[in-house]
Amino acid sequence: SATPPPPPAGWEWPRKGDEIEVDEDGLSTVCRRATVTAVMADGWFQAVARSPSDEAVCHWFTWREEGTDWRRAAPSPLATSAPPSAPRGRLCGNTHERVGGAFGCILPAGHAG
C-alpha cells in the first residue's frame, strides 16, 4: 500500500497502547474499541479490536480515515477516577512501553498483577 501524504499541522499521531474506536460496519452504527498495537514510520498504524466471539481483529489505518473508519476514544472514567491528592507511595517496578521511553507501573509495589 502507498505511503499516505503527511497529516495536517497539529494533527497528533495515535501512540502504541492508545484506545480508539473502529467503525465495524462502514455505516458508523457499530463501533468497537480497539487498541493501537503498532505505529509505522510511513504513516500507517495498526489497531486490534475484539469481535463478539473474542477473536482479535486487526485493522490498518492512516490519519486520512480519522472520523470515517476510526475515531479517538473518549478517556475511560476509571483513568481519571483517582483524586489528584492521592498519595503516590512506592511504585511497582514493571514498566510499560511508551513513545520516548518507559514509565513505571502506577500500581503500588507488591500488587498481584
Foldseek 3Di string as FASTA:
>chain_A
DDQDDDDDPPDDDDWAQFKKWFQDPQPNPDIFIWGWHAADPSFKTKTWTADPVRDTDIDIDGPVCDPGGMHGDDDDCVVVVDDPPDDQAAFDADWDDTPPGIDTDSDHHPDDD
